[in-house]
Protein backbone atom coordinates (compact mmCIF):
# COMPACT_ATOMS: atom_id res chain seq x y z
CA MET A 1 104.43 -150.63 -52.95
CA GLY A 2 106.46 -154.14 -52.82
CA THR A 3 109.62 -152.18 -54.21
CA LYS A 4 112.65 -153.95 -54.67
CA SER A 5 115.71 -152.10 -53.54
CA ALA A 6 118.75 -152.70 -55.78
CA SER A 7 121.33 -150.77 -53.29
CA SER A 8 121.09 -150.18 -49.44
CA LEU A 9 121.61 -146.55 -50.14
CA LEU A 10 118.09 -146.16 -51.57
CA THR A 11 116.32 -147.04 -48.96
CA GLY A 12 113.22 -144.92 -48.10
CA SER A 13 113.62 -143.67 -52.00
CA LEU A 14 111.68 -141.04 -52.68
CA LEU A 15 110.29 -142.29 -56.13
CA THR A 16 106.85 -142.23 -55.05
CA GLY A 17 103.52 -140.99 -55.92
CA SER A 18 101.90 -140.24 -59.54
CA LEU A 19 105.61 -140.04 -61.02
CA LEU A 20 106.13 -144.10 -61.18
CA SER A 21 102.26 -144.98 -61.33
CA GLY A 22 102.06 -147.65 -64.19
CA SER A 23 105.52 -146.42 -65.32
CA LEU A 24 108.13 -148.89 -66.83
CA LEU A 25 111.20 -146.61 -66.45
CA SER A 26 111.81 -143.09 -64.41
CA VAL A 27 114.28 -141.18 -63.60
CA TYR A 28 114.06 -138.72 -60.25
CA ASN A 29 116.44 -135.86 -59.94
CA ILE A 30 118.59 -136.46 -62.18
CA SER A 31 121.40 -134.07 -62.13
CA LYS A 32 124.55 -133.95 -64.60
CA SER A 33 127.45 -131.24 -64.92
CA TYR A 34 130.17 -131.13 -67.04
CA PRO A 35 133.34 -128.44 -66.91
CA GLY A 36 131.36 -124.82 -67.11
CA VAL A 37 128.33 -126.64 -68.37
CA GLN A 38 125.34 -127.86 -65.87
CA ALA A 39 124.00 -130.57 -68.68
CA LEU A 40 120.92 -131.38 -66.31
CA GLU A 41 119.78 -129.69 -63.40
CA ASP A 42 116.48 -132.04 -61.46
CA VAL A 43 115.51 -134.01 -64.33
CA SER A 44 112.39 -136.29 -63.44
CA ILE A 45 110.48 -138.42 -65.88
CA ALA A 46 108.42 -141.43 -66.15
CA LEU A 47 107.43 -143.70 -69.28
CA LYS A 48 104.92 -145.98 -69.44
CA PRO A 49 105.08 -149.52 -70.99
CA GLY A 50 103.67 -149.62 -74.41
CA GLU A 51 103.88 -145.78 -75.23
CA VAL A 52 105.83 -143.84 -77.62
CA HIS A 53 107.01 -140.62 -75.32
CA ALA A 54 108.61 -137.77 -77.59
CA LEU A 55 111.25 -135.73 -75.98
CA VAL A 56 112.03 -132.57 -77.89
CA GLY A 57 114.37 -129.30 -76.93
CA GLU A 58 116.99 -127.38 -78.76
CA ASN A 59 120.28 -128.03 -79.20
CA GLY A 60 122.33 -127.97 -75.51
CA ALA A 61 118.77 -128.91 -73.93
CA GLY A 62 120.49 -131.98 -72.31
CA LYS A 63 118.53 -134.66 -74.45
CA SER A 64 121.60 -136.58 -75.11
CA THR A 65 122.92 -136.37 -72.12
CA LEU A 66 120.08 -137.63 -70.50
CA VAL A 67 119.86 -140.39 -72.70
CA LYS A 68 123.36 -141.62 -72.23
CA ILE A 69 122.61 -141.53 -68.35
CA ILE A 70 119.30 -144.21 -69.24
CA SER A 71 121.65 -146.24 -71.36
CA GLY A 72 124.43 -146.25 -69.21
CA ALA A 73 127.37 -144.74 -70.97
CA GLU A 74 127.30 -141.78 -68.19
CA GLN A 75 126.24 -141.72 -64.71
CA PRO A 76 124.40 -139.07 -63.00
CA ASP A 77 125.89 -136.77 -60.27
CA SER A 78 122.85 -137.09 -57.97
CA GLY A 79 119.37 -138.78 -58.70
CA GLU A 80 118.02 -142.21 -59.05
CA ILE A 81 116.85 -144.44 -61.84
CA ARG A 82 113.81 -146.91 -61.61
CA PHE A 83 113.31 -149.79 -63.74
CA ASN A 84 110.33 -152.08 -63.40
CA ASP A 85 109.77 -151.51 -59.76
CA VAL A 86 113.96 -151.81 -59.13
CA VAL A 87 115.74 -148.70 -57.96
CA TYR A 88 119.68 -148.05 -59.05
CA PRO A 89 121.60 -145.17 -58.18
CA HIS A 90 123.32 -145.47 -61.59
CA LEU A 91 123.10 -147.84 -64.78
CA ASN A 92 126.05 -149.47 -66.60
CA PRO A 93 126.01 -150.38 -70.21
CA HIS A 94 126.24 -154.15 -69.71
CA LEU A 95 123.18 -153.76 -67.02
CA SER A 96 121.22 -151.49 -69.35
CA ARG A 97 121.28 -153.37 -72.22
CA LYS A 98 120.28 -156.65 -69.47
CA LEU A 99 117.28 -154.66 -68.73
CA GLY A 100 115.98 -154.62 -72.23
CA ILE A 101 116.94 -151.21 -73.06
CA GLU A 102 118.39 -150.68 -76.32
CA VAL A 103 119.83 -146.92 -77.85
CA ILE A 104 119.64 -145.94 -81.49
CA TYR A 105 122.04 -143.23 -81.11
CA GLN A 106 122.62 -140.14 -83.55
CA GLU A 107 125.84 -141.38 -84.22
CA PHE A 108 126.03 -144.93 -85.58
CA ASN A 109 127.45 -147.69 -83.25
CA LEU A 110 128.26 -149.96 -86.08
CA ILE A 111 131.40 -151.86 -87.74
CA PRO A 112 132.12 -150.59 -91.17
CA SER A 113 134.52 -153.62 -92.00
CA LEU A 114 131.91 -156.15 -90.89
CA SER A 115 128.58 -157.16 -93.06
CA VAL A 116 125.14 -155.92 -92.41
CA ALA A 117 124.00 -158.97 -91.03
CA GLU A 118 127.12 -159.56 -88.66
CA ASN A 119 126.68 -155.95 -87.55
CA VAL A 120 122.37 -156.31 -87.03
CA PHE A 121 123.24 -159.70 -84.57
CA PHE A 122 126.78 -158.58 -82.91
CA GLY A 123 126.84 -159.38 -79.65
CA GLY A 124 123.12 -160.94 -79.69
CA ARG A 125 124.13 -164.27 -79.88
CA GLU A 126 125.61 -165.26 -76.43
CA GLY A 127 125.70 -168.89 -75.19
CA ARG A 128 125.54 -170.36 -78.47
CA THR A 129 127.99 -172.16 -80.49
CA PRO A 130 131.45 -169.87 -81.03
CA PHE A 131 131.43 -170.84 -84.98
CA VAL A 132 128.94 -168.60 -87.30
CA ASN A 133 126.45 -169.85 -89.14
CA TYR A 134 126.52 -167.33 -92.06
CA GLU A 135 123.87 -169.07 -94.07
CA LYS A 136 121.79 -168.84 -91.05
CA LEU A 137 123.03 -165.17 -90.49
CA ILE A 138 121.79 -164.04 -93.89
CA SER A 139 118.53 -165.84 -94.01
CA ASP A 140 117.69 -164.25 -90.48
CA THR A 141 118.58 -160.93 -91.33
CA ASN A 142 116.67 -161.10 -94.55
CA SER A 143 113.66 -162.34 -92.40
CA LEU A 144 114.50 -159.49 -90.11
CA PHE A 145 114.31 -156.85 -93.15
CA ALA A 146 111.27 -158.45 -94.93
CA SER A 147 109.54 -157.91 -91.73
CA MET A 148 110.75 -154.31 -91.51
CA ASN A 149 109.94 -153.70 -95.35
CA VAL A 150 113.42 -152.93 -96.02
CA GLN A 151 115.57 -154.28 -98.96
CA ILE A 152 119.42 -154.14 -97.98
CA ASP A 153 122.00 -156.63 -99.15
CA PRO A 154 122.75 -158.46 -95.54
CA SER A 155 126.22 -159.26 -97.26
CA LYS A 156 127.22 -155.84 -97.97
CA LYS A 157 129.65 -154.60 -95.87
CA VAL A 158 128.24 -151.38 -93.53
CA GLU A 159 131.21 -149.41 -95.09
CA ASP A 160 129.36 -149.71 -98.50
CA VAL A 161 125.89 -148.70 -97.70
CA SER A 162 124.78 -145.09 -97.78
CA VAL A 163 124.27 -143.22 -94.20
CA ALA A 164 120.33 -143.83 -94.62
CA TYR A 165 121.01 -147.55 -94.97
CA MET A 166 122.96 -147.47 -92.00
CA GLN A 167 120.22 -146.02 -89.95
CA LEU A 168 118.16 -148.52 -90.59
CA VAL A 169 120.86 -151.23 -90.15
CA GLU A 170 120.85 -149.71 -86.65
CA ILE A 171 117.12 -149.76 -85.99
CA ALA A 172 116.96 -153.56 -87.64
CA LYS A 173 120.04 -154.23 -84.42
CA ALA A 174 117.71 -153.00 -81.56
CA ILE A 175 114.61 -155.17 -83.25
CA SER A 176 116.97 -158.38 -83.44
CA LYS A 177 117.53 -157.95 -79.36
CA GLU A 178 113.66 -157.45 -78.56
CA ALA A 179 114.29 -154.42 -76.25
CA ARG A 180 111.87 -153.93 -74.02
CA PHE A 181 113.04 -149.75 -73.67
CA LEU A 182 114.32 -148.81 -77.04
CA ILE A 183 115.61 -145.04 -77.66
CA MET A 184 115.21 -143.47 -81.27
CA ASP A 185 118.01 -140.38 -81.17
CA GLU A 186 116.99 -138.48 -84.12
CA PRO A 187 115.99 -141.78 -86.41
CA THR A 188 114.59 -139.65 -89.35
CA ALA A 189 117.38 -137.31 -89.56
CA PRO A 190 119.28 -139.01 -93.03
CA LEU A 191 115.99 -140.79 -93.95
CA THR A 192 113.63 -139.96 -97.10
CA ILE A 193 109.84 -139.46 -96.79
CA SER A 194 109.34 -143.20 -97.77
CA GLU A 195 111.85 -144.69 -95.39
CA VAL A 196 110.07 -142.54 -92.90
CA ASP A 197 106.61 -143.85 -93.28
CA ILE A 198 108.69 -147.46 -92.78
CA LEU A 199 109.98 -146.40 -89.62
CA PHE A 200 106.59 -145.08 -88.22
CA SER A 201 105.23 -148.58 -89.06
CA LEU A 202 107.69 -150.10 -87.54
CA VAL A 203 107.31 -148.24 -84.35
CA ARG A 204 103.36 -148.95 -84.26
CA LYS A 205 104.03 -152.59 -84.52
CA LEU A 206 106.90 -152.28 -81.64
CA LYS A 207 104.57 -150.48 -79.62
CA GLU A 208 101.72 -153.19 -80.08
CA ARG A 209 104.14 -155.51 -78.90
CA GLY A 210 104.41 -153.15 -75.32
CA VAL A 211 107.62 -151.69 -76.52
CA THR A 212 108.18 -148.18 -74.63
CA ILE A 213 110.01 -146.05 -76.89
CA LEU A 214 111.66 -142.67 -76.31
CA TYR A 215 110.91 -140.71 -79.49
CA ILE A 216 113.32 -138.08 -80.08
CA SER A 217 113.02 -135.40 -82.94
CA HIS A 218 113.54 -132.07 -84.06
CA ARG A 219 110.82 -132.58 -86.79
CA LEU A 220 107.94 -131.54 -84.62
CA GLU A 221 105.59 -133.02 -87.14
CA GLU A 222 106.91 -136.16 -86.31
CA ILE A 223 105.87 -135.90 -82.77
CA PHE A 224 102.03 -135.01 -83.36
CA THR A 225 101.86 -138.53 -86.06
CA ILE A 226 103.89 -140.79 -84.09
CA ALA A 227 103.65 -139.97 -80.20
CA ASP A 228 101.54 -140.30 -77.23
CA ARG A 229 103.15 -137.88 -74.80
CA VAL A 230 105.74 -135.35 -74.71
CA THR A 231 108.19 -133.96 -73.22
CA VAL A 232 110.15 -130.58 -73.42
CA MET A 233 113.34 -129.82 -72.35
CA ARG A 234 115.24 -126.40 -72.03
CA ASP A 235 119.00 -125.87 -70.46
CA GLY A 236 118.91 -129.05 -68.84
CA LYS A 237 115.14 -128.74 -67.31
CA ILE A 238 111.83 -130.41 -68.07
CA ILE A 239 109.76 -127.46 -68.89
CA SER A 240 106.76 -129.99 -69.31
CA THR A 241 104.74 -133.28 -70.25
CA ASP A 242 101.78 -133.12 -71.99
CA ARG A 243 99.74 -135.71 -74.08
CA VAL A 244 100.20 -134.88 -77.68
CA ALA A 245 96.37 -134.46 -77.62
CA ASP A 246 96.26 -132.11 -75.48
CA THR A 247 99.20 -129.51 -77.38
CA ASP A 248 100.22 -128.08 -80.41
CA ARG A 249 102.96 -127.32 -82.54
CA LYS A 250 102.91 -123.04 -81.00
CA GLN A 251 102.97 -124.28 -77.37
CA LEU A 252 105.54 -126.82 -77.92
CA ILE A 253 107.83 -123.88 -79.46
CA ARG A 254 107.16 -121.63 -76.79
CA HIS A 255 108.08 -123.89 -74.01
CA MET A 256 111.45 -125.01 -76.11
CA VAL A 257 112.32 -121.34 -76.95
CA GLY A 258 111.05 -119.85 -73.78
CA ARG A 259 109.14 -117.18 -75.89
CA THR A 260 106.45 -116.73 -78.52
CA LEU A 261 107.68 -117.42 -81.95
CA ASN A 262 104.49 -116.03 -84.41
CA GLU A 263 106.22 -117.46 -87.59
CA THR A 264 108.62 -120.81 -87.40
CA PHE A 265 110.42 -119.64 -90.74
CA PRO A 266 110.29 -115.73 -91.17
CA ARG A 267 109.39 -114.28 -94.49
CA ARG A 268 112.90 -113.02 -96.09
CA ASN A 269 112.51 -109.55 -97.68
CA THR A 270 115.98 -109.87 -99.60
CA GLN A 271 116.02 -110.35 -103.46
CA PRO A 272 118.45 -112.48 -104.86
CA GLY A 273 121.29 -111.05 -106.09
CA GLU A 274 123.90 -111.65 -109.26
CA LEU A 275 124.71 -115.26 -110.53
CA VAL A 276 127.44 -116.83 -108.04
CA PHE A 277 127.54 -120.34 -108.77
CA GLU A 278 126.94 -122.61 -112.11
CA ALA A 279 127.16 -125.80 -112.74
CA GLU A 280 127.28 -126.96 -116.46
CA HIS A 281 127.13 -130.92 -117.54
CA LEU A 282 128.57 -131.60 -114.32
CA SER A 283 129.45 -135.81 -114.26
CA GLY A 284 131.10 -137.78 -111.76
CA ASN A 285 130.69 -139.65 -108.55
CA GLY A 286 127.67 -141.57 -109.79
CA VAL A 287 126.12 -138.33 -110.91
CA GLN A 288 125.60 -136.77 -114.63
CA ASP A 289 124.95 -133.82 -116.81
CA ILE A 290 124.09 -132.02 -113.74
CA ASN A 291 123.34 -128.17 -114.36
CA PHE A 292 121.61 -125.52 -112.08
CA LYS A 293 122.41 -122.12 -110.63
CA VAL A 294 122.78 -120.22 -107.49
CA LEU A 295 121.94 -116.44 -107.34
CA ALA A 296 123.90 -114.71 -104.09
CA GLY A 297 121.45 -114.76 -101.09
CA GLU A 298 119.03 -117.65 -102.47
CA ILE A 299 118.54 -120.95 -100.81
CA VAL A 300 118.46 -123.64 -103.23
CA GLY A 301 116.96 -126.85 -102.20
CA LEU A 302 118.72 -130.75 -103.70
CA GLY A 303 115.63 -133.03 -103.05
CA GLY A 304 115.45 -136.83 -104.21
CA LEU A 305 115.41 -140.50 -102.68
CA VAL A 306 117.95 -142.33 -101.00
CA GLY A 307 120.75 -142.97 -103.82
CA ALA A 308 119.70 -140.17 -105.99
CA GLY A 309 123.21 -138.80 -106.33
CA ARG A 310 122.69 -135.54 -103.77
CA THR A 311 125.74 -136.37 -101.13
CA GLU A 312 127.51 -137.47 -104.27
CA LEU A 313 126.90 -134.04 -106.22
CA ALA A 314 127.54 -132.22 -102.94
CA ARG A 315 131.29 -134.00 -102.73
CA ILE A 316 131.99 -132.94 -106.25
CA ILE A 317 131.07 -129.51 -105.68
CA PHE A 318 133.46 -129.29 -102.33
CA GLY A 319 136.13 -131.35 -103.97
CA ALA A 320 135.74 -134.21 -102.01
CA ASP A 321 135.34 -136.14 -105.16
CA LYS A 322 136.62 -135.56 -108.42
CA VAL A 323 134.54 -134.02 -111.31
CA ASP A 324 134.95 -136.18 -114.38
CA GLN A 325 133.39 -133.87 -116.88
CA GLY A 326 131.53 -130.26 -116.96
CA VAL A 327 132.44 -127.26 -115.42
CA ILE A 328 131.73 -125.02 -112.13
CA LEU A 329 131.46 -121.31 -112.27
CA LEU A 330 132.04 -118.84 -109.13
CA ASN A 331 131.14 -115.37 -110.36
CA GLY A 332 131.33 -116.20 -113.64
CA ARG A 333 134.66 -117.66 -113.80
CA PRO A 334 135.48 -121.65 -114.24
CA VAL A 335 137.20 -122.82 -111.19
CA SER A 336 138.89 -126.59 -110.50
CA ILE A 337 138.17 -127.98 -107.03
CA PRO A 338 140.47 -130.98 -106.81
CA SER A 339 140.19 -131.28 -103.27
CA PRO A 340 138.37 -129.80 -100.11
CA HIS A 341 141.08 -127.59 -99.90
CA GLU A 342 140.49 -125.99 -103.21
CA GLY A 343 137.01 -125.72 -102.06
CA VAL A 344 137.69 -124.28 -98.51
CA ALA A 345 140.21 -121.41 -100.69
CA ASN A 346 137.20 -121.10 -103.24
CA GLY A 347 134.80 -119.99 -100.27
CA ILE A 348 132.95 -123.31 -100.27
CA GLY A 349 131.81 -124.79 -97.35
CA MET A 350 130.18 -128.15 -96.54
CA VAL A 351 128.58 -129.54 -93.28
CA PRO A 352 128.39 -133.50 -94.68
CA GLU A 353 126.40 -136.18 -94.26
CA ASP A 354 128.30 -138.46 -92.04
CA ARG A 355 129.35 -135.86 -89.65
CA LYS A 356 131.48 -138.02 -87.28
CA ASN A 357 133.74 -139.28 -89.74
CA ASP A 358 133.80 -136.64 -92.02
CA GLY A 359 132.68 -133.38 -90.41
CA VAL A 360 135.06 -133.42 -87.16
CA LEU A 361 138.44 -134.77 -85.93
CA LEU A 362 137.30 -136.45 -82.61
CA GLU A 363 140.48 -136.85 -81.16
CA LEU A 364 140.64 -132.50 -81.07
CA SER A 365 139.25 -130.16 -79.16
CA ILE A 366 135.83 -128.11 -80.20
CA ARG A 367 138.41 -124.79 -80.07
CA GLU A 368 140.58 -126.66 -82.37
CA ASN A 369 137.89 -128.52 -84.59
CA ALA A 370 135.99 -124.65 -85.08
CA VAL A 371 139.24 -122.83 -86.11
CA LEU A 372 140.83 -125.87 -88.28
CA PRO A 373 139.46 -124.32 -91.88
CA VAL A 374 141.22 -121.08 -90.82
CA ILE A 375 143.98 -122.51 -89.41
CA ARG A 376 146.38 -120.35 -91.65
CA LYS A 377 144.52 -116.98 -91.36
CA LEU A 378 145.34 -117.54 -87.62
CA SER A 379 148.53 -118.57 -87.86
CA LYS A 380 152.31 -116.47 -88.96
CA ALA A 381 155.69 -118.16 -89.11
CA GLY A 382 154.22 -121.67 -88.34
CA PHE A 383 152.67 -120.36 -85.16
CA ILE A 384 149.26 -119.91 -84.03
CA ASN A 385 148.12 -116.55 -82.49
CA ARG A 386 146.14 -117.91 -79.38
CA LYS A 387 144.35 -114.80 -78.93
CA ARG A 388 143.06 -114.58 -82.33
CA GLU A 389 142.17 -118.12 -82.04
CA ARG A 390 140.05 -117.50 -78.98
CA GLU A 391 138.25 -114.50 -80.44
CA THR A 392 137.26 -116.28 -83.26
CA VAL A 393 135.85 -119.87 -81.44
CA GLY A 394 134.30 -117.30 -78.75
CA ARG A 395 132.48 -115.21 -81.56
CA LEU A 396 131.52 -118.37 -82.85
CA VAL A 397 130.32 -120.06 -79.87
CA ARG A 398 128.24 -116.75 -79.18
CA GLN A 399 126.47 -116.56 -82.90
CA LEU A 400 125.74 -120.36 -82.84
CA ASN A 401 124.58 -120.77 -78.87
CA ILE A 402 127.07 -123.83 -78.46
CA LYS A 403 127.17 -124.42 -74.94
CA THR A 404 130.71 -125.52 -73.98
CA PRO A 405 133.51 -123.74 -72.15
CA ILE A 406 136.50 -123.02 -74.28
CA SER A 407 139.46 -124.15 -73.23
């Protein structure tokens, strides 16, 4: 094959045959374990130049771990990585980026205190003058956004833009580095329909330029819109790889969950009950005169474009932001919710838009984060009842099928 080796340890590599045929990047027999969890087991996958290759699977299937190994953020326990006919036992972030591998993570890798323009080109202008030409930086960012059909003020600080715009900044940052291999991990999660259309247009342009894209998404309809091939992972293993044209939604779901599901959204036989929540002329945090009701057992959707006020409304209901006018009623009783503490005390929970900054305390364990809202109920005289804590977390882990050891 005329293969060049990056390490004498890999002489006589097993990376041969159809797996490598015409591929830009391949991983072979990659395994990775964490305490109590086998995240990847003998994973092999090959990605061709200029293809959009979808990667799907339930939470905990191993997708994010595979991405971290390809990007060099994690090292595998065993296996090999091959990029452009060079074999590596593992990568590191510097080498991965040097090879032209860029990742758009679910969790943003932006510096909030810097401007949008500074974030877009951060780390991408090595070897030039140490002095920043801000006028050119703004101009280049505007040009890049124009090519993306995106309108964002380049001079605005990242901390002052919405989560959806942060995602577009992340995409612009990857494009600015002229990546050869681009990983998109749930890129449409915070985007509206119109912004998803912009993203798909960008993906098609990148594909025309020969960029290989590994596209990770839980939204299966996106796979059939944008991808050439799709690989399914389950429990840290590769279950199948097919051309998108040769598979369908039911087959993908069957491979993902290991059984046939006749209905993605089974019919619910419950009837909505009594009125439990009501907003009357609610104003504050950028929203005005909001009125709606929610009945017991009811699912109410809240839609709108970026900036329409969806997140802002949720935050004032939960107590994260101030109510200027109007009334919130729970079970027909007016309540004051000046803080998230009062929101929780009134039985209101919130999964925030920005999970990393607003949803969890990263320095604490999964166990500590899971029980944080009910820590007072598990404590007596200032001491936490560890037995009740472990029982509570164990129940949550089983109910939500969370793959983690409980320490």
